[in-house]
Structure formats: structure tokens, C-alpha cells
Amino acid sequence: MHQILLMLLTGSRAAEAQFYSGNDLHGYCSVDRGNLHYAQYMGICQGFVAGVVDSSLRPLSFRVCVPAGVTLQQTADVVTNYLRDHPEERHYTAQSLVVFALQQAWPCG
């Protein structure tokens, strides 16, 4: 079921731009705290997740129902854990994987 959703979110048109895959996002989100570039990579991870969540608030968009009081770090943790636990899906777009991970954690309705 979720592979169908991921395929719908990723689209099949080759002309659409895709900057990050799940593999790319996993690399940024799972960097070790001891890494010299930890802050930079975590900033990319959190910024990407924040952008997807913020864009879900637009009308006619996908829905992500993150509860009030949840921090950006918590949302990034949910996405990081999903990417870690589902390496077979990392070839999908990072946006679709962020949406799916957050919808699994906090379903709407």
C-alpha cells in the first residue's frame, strides 16, 4: 500500500526536477554528532523536513498532521528513523519519503 502512495507522490514524469532522493536525505539526517560537519548536515536535514511540513499547509496539497508542540528535531527524528528502517525505499524522492514518514507517525483524522 505505501509503495503505491510513494509512487503517486514521486510522479512518473521525467521532466520534473528532483534534487534529493531518500538516500541523500538519509546521509544528511544520520550524520554522526562527532562529524566535523554535523551542524551543517543536520541543518540541511531539518531545513528540508521543515520545508515539506510547511508546504503541507497549503490548500490542495498533501496533508501532514503534526501535533502542536512537536519540535523540528522530533520531526527530523521521525524521518531519520523511517529512512534508517526502510533502505529499500530510499530511491524515491526525499519529499515523498518525508511526507510518508510523517503521515505514518501522525495520521490525519
C-alpha atoms as a PDB file:
ATOM      1  CA  MET A   1       0.000   0.000   0.000  1.00  0.00           C
ATOM      2  CA  HIS A   2       2.633   2.555   0.971  1.00  0.00           C
ATOM      3  CA  GLN A   3       4.657   1.845  -2.187  1.00  0.00           C
ATOM      4  CA  ILE A   4       1.615   2.905  -4.217  1.00  0.00           C
ATOM      5  CA  LEU A   5       1.437   6.147  -2.238  1.00  0.00           C
ATOM      6  CA  LEU A   6       5.149   6.754  -2.732  1.00  0.00           C
ATOM      7  CA  MET A   7       4.811   6.168  -6.466  1.00  0.00           C
ATOM      8  CA  LEU A   8       1.935   8.648  -6.625  1.00  0.00           C
ATOM      9  CA  LEU A   9       3.870  11.251  -4.661  1.00  0.00           C
ATOM     10  CA  THR A  10       7.017  10.844  -6.699  1.00  0.00           C
ATOM     11  CA  GLY A  11       5.264  11.128 -10.031  1.00  0.00           C
ATOM     12  CA  SER A  12       6.378   9.492 -13.220  1.00  0.00           C
ATOM     13  CA  ARG A  13       7.263  12.489 -15.379  1.00  0.00           C
ATOM     14  CA  ALA A  14      10.962  12.610 -16.093  1.00  0.00           C
ATOM     15  CA  ALA A  15      10.839  16.373 -16.700  1.00  0.00           C
ATOM     16  CA  GLU A  16      10.133  17.155 -13.036  1.00  0.00           C
ATOM     17  CA  ALA A  17      13.130  18.324 -11.040  1.00  0.00           C
ATOM     18  CA  GLN A  18      14.223  16.199  -8.129  1.00  0.00           C
ATOM     19  CA  PHE A  19      17.070  17.488  -6.050  1.00  0.00           C
ATOM     20  CA  TYR A  20      17.217  14.982  -3.198  1.00  0.00           C
ATOM     21  CA  SER A  21      16.489  11.277  -3.001  1.00  0.00           C
ATOM     22  CA  GLY A  22      15.852   9.405   0.215  1.00  0.00           C
ATOM     23  CA  ASN A  23      19.478   8.261   0.028  1.00  0.00           C
ATOM     24  CA  ASP A  24      20.654  11.882   0.005  1.00  0.00           C
ATOM     25  CA  LEU A  25      18.386  12.891   2.875  1.00  0.00           C
ATOM     26  CA  HIS A  26      19.380   9.830   4.907  1.00  0.00           C
ATOM     27  CA  GLY A  27      23.017  10.858   4.568  1.00  0.00           C
ATOM     28  CA  TYR A  28      22.304  14.334   5.928  1.00  0.00           C
ATOM     29  CA  CYS A  29      19.946  13.226   8.701  1.00  0.00           C
ATOM     30  CA  SER A  30      22.013  10.348  10.043  1.00  0.00           C
ATOM     31  CA  VAL A  31      25.423  12.006  10.272  1.00  0.00           C
ATOM     32  CA  ASP A  32      27.274  11.225  13.497  1.00  0.00           C
ATOM     33  CA  ARG A  33      27.385  14.012  16.105  1.00  0.00           C
ATOM     34  CA  GLY A  34      31.173  13.745  16.133  1.00  0.00           C
ATOM     35  CA  ASN A  35      31.361  14.597  12.433  1.00  0.00           C
ATOM     36  CA  LEU A  36      33.034  17.938  11.742  1.00  0.00           C
ATOM     37  CA  HIS A  37      30.072  18.914   9.510  1.00  0.00           C
ATOM     38  CA  TYR A  38      27.329  17.687  11.878  1.00  0.00           C
ATOM     39  CA  ALA A  39      25.658  21.098  12.316  1.00  0.00           C
ATOM     40  CA  GLN A  40      25.693  21.802   8.584  1.00  0.00           C
ATOM     41  CA  TYR A  41      24.258  18.401   7.641  1.00  0.00           C
ATOM     42  CA  MET A  42      21.635  18.482  10.392  1.00  0.00           C
ATOM     43  CA  GLY A  43      20.664  21.972   9.223  1.00  0.00           C
ATOM     44  CA  ILE A  44      20.074  20.611   5.716  1.00  0.00           C
ATOM     45  CA  CYS A  45      18.069  17.696   7.149  1.00  0.00           C
ATOM     46  CA  GLN A  46      15.906  19.871   9.384  1.00  0.00           C
ATOM     47  CA  GLY A  47      15.503  22.576   6.746  1.00  0.00           C
ATOM     48  CA  PHE A  48      14.296  20.052   4.199  1.00  0.00           C
ATOM     49  CA  VAL A  49      11.841  18.474   6.656  1.00  0.00           C
ATOM     50  CA  ALA A  50      10.578  21.912   7.718  1.00  0.00           C
ATOM     51  CA  GLY A  51      10.025  22.903   4.097  1.00  0.00           C
ATOM     52  CA  VAL A  52       7.967  19.788   3.406  1.00  0.00           C
ATOM     53  CA  VAL A  53       5.882  20.257   6.563  1.00  0.00           C
ATOM     54  CA  ASP A  54       5.332  23.949   5.825  1.00  0.00           C
ATOM     55  CA  SER A  55       4.291  23.193   2.253  1.00  0.00           C
ATOM     56  CA  SER A  56       1.725  20.692   3.532  1.00  0.00           C
ATOM     57  CA  LEU A  57      -0.219  23.611   4.999  1.00  0.00           C
ATOM     58  CA  ARG A  58      -1.118  24.962   1.547  1.00  0.00           C
ATOM     59  CA  PRO A  59      -4.606  24.229   0.188  1.00  0.00           C
ATOM     60  CA  LEU A  60      -4.812  21.358  -2.321  1.00  0.00           C
ATOM     61  CA  SER A  61      -1.589  19.874  -1.028  1.00  0.00           C
ATOM     62  CA  PHE A  62      -0.861  16.600   0.745  1.00  0.00           C
ATOM     63  CA  ARG A  63      -1.747  16.521   4.405  1.00  0.00           C
ATOM     64  CA  VAL A  64       0.633  16.091   7.285  1.00  0.00           C
ATOM     65  CA  CYS A  65      -0.949  16.469  10.723  1.00  0.00           C
ATOM     66  CA  VAL A  66       1.967  17.121  13.046  1.00  0.00           C
ATOM     67  CA  PRO A  67       0.571  17.769  16.550  1.00  0.00           C
ATOM     68  CA  ALA A  68       1.039  21.126  18.242  1.00  0.00           C
ATOM     69  CA  GLY A  69       4.165  21.277  20.350  1.00  0.00           C
ATOM     70  CA  VAL A  70       6.181  18.829  18.241  1.00  0.00           C
ATOM     71  CA  THR A  71       9.638  20.240  17.598  1.00  0.00           C
ATOM     72  CA  LEU A  72      11.526  20.374  14.325  1.00  0.00           C
ATOM     73  CA  GLN A  73      14.075  17.975  15.821  1.00  0.00           C
ATOM     74  CA  GLN A  74      11.293  15.471  16.581  1.00  0.00           C
ATOM     75  CA  THR A  75      10.013  15.614  13.007  1.00  0.00           C
ATOM     76  CA  ALA A  76      13.562  15.164  11.696  1.00  0.00           C
ATOM     77  CA  ASP A  77      13.984  12.202  14.066  1.00  0.00           C
ATOM     78  CA  VAL A  78      10.816  10.566  12.716  1.00  0.00           C
ATOM     79  CA  VAL A  79      12.086  10.984   9.156  1.00  0.00           C
ATOM     80  CA  THR A  80      15.593   9.807  10.050  1.00  0.00           C
ATOM     81  CA  ASN A  81      14.234   6.687  11.744  1.00  0.00           C
ATOM     82  CA  TYR A  82      11.970   5.935   8.772  1.00  0.00           C
ATOM     83  CA  LEU A  83      14.866   6.281   6.338  1.00  0.00           C
ATOM     84  CA  ARG A  84      17.041   4.066   8.535  1.00  0.00           C
ATOM     85  CA  ASP A  85      14.333   1.401   8.819  1.00  0.00           C
ATOM     86  CA  HIS A  86      13.344   1.394   5.120  1.00  0.00           C
ATOM     87  CA  PRO A  87      16.509   1.426   2.987  1.00  0.00           C
ATOM     88  CA  GLU A  88      14.604  -0.300   0.184  1.00  0.00           C
ATOM     89  CA  GLU A  89      12.571   2.899  -0.356  1.00  0.00           C
ATOM     90  CA  ARG A  90      15.382   5.456  -0.365  1.00  0.00           C
ATOM     91  CA  HIS A  91      15.440   5.670  -4.153  1.00  0.00           C
ATOM     92  CA  TYR A  92      12.130   7.568  -4.009  1.00  0.00           C
ATOM     93  CA  THR A  93      12.140  11.346  -3.750  1.00  0.00           C
ATOM     94  CA  ALA A  94      13.074  12.771  -0.380  1.00  0.00           C
ATOM     95  CA  GLN A  95       9.848  14.818  -0.314  1.00  0.00           C
ATOM     96  CA  SER A  96       7.645  11.765  -0.751  1.00  0.00           C
ATOM     97  CA  LEU A  97       9.527   9.900   1.968  1.00  0.00           C
ATOM     98  CA  VAL A  98       9.246  12.815   4.412  1.00  0.00           C
ATOM     99  CA  VAL A  99       5.502  13.024   3.785  1.00  0.00           C
ATOM    100  CA  PHE A 100       5.012   9.294   4.160  1.00  0.00           C
ATOM    101  CA  ALA A 101       7.121   9.041   7.340  1.00  0.00           C
ATOM    102  CA  LEU A 102       5.228  11.888   8.998  1.00  0.00           C
ATOM    103  CA  GLN A 103       1.836  10.586   7.879  1.00  0.00           C
ATOM    104  CA  GLN A 104       2.722   7.213   9.397  1.00  0.00           C
ATOM    105  CA  ALA A 105       3.762   8.835  12.667  1.00  0.00           C
ATOM    106  CA  TRP A 106       0.878  11.295  12.890  1.00  0.00           C
ATOM    107  CA  PRO A 107      -2.029  10.270  10.656  1.00  0.00           C
ATOM    108  CA  CYS A 108      -4.648  12.919   9.956  1.00  0.00           C
ATOM    109  CA  GLY A 109      -8.222  12.461  11.047  1.00  0.00           C
END
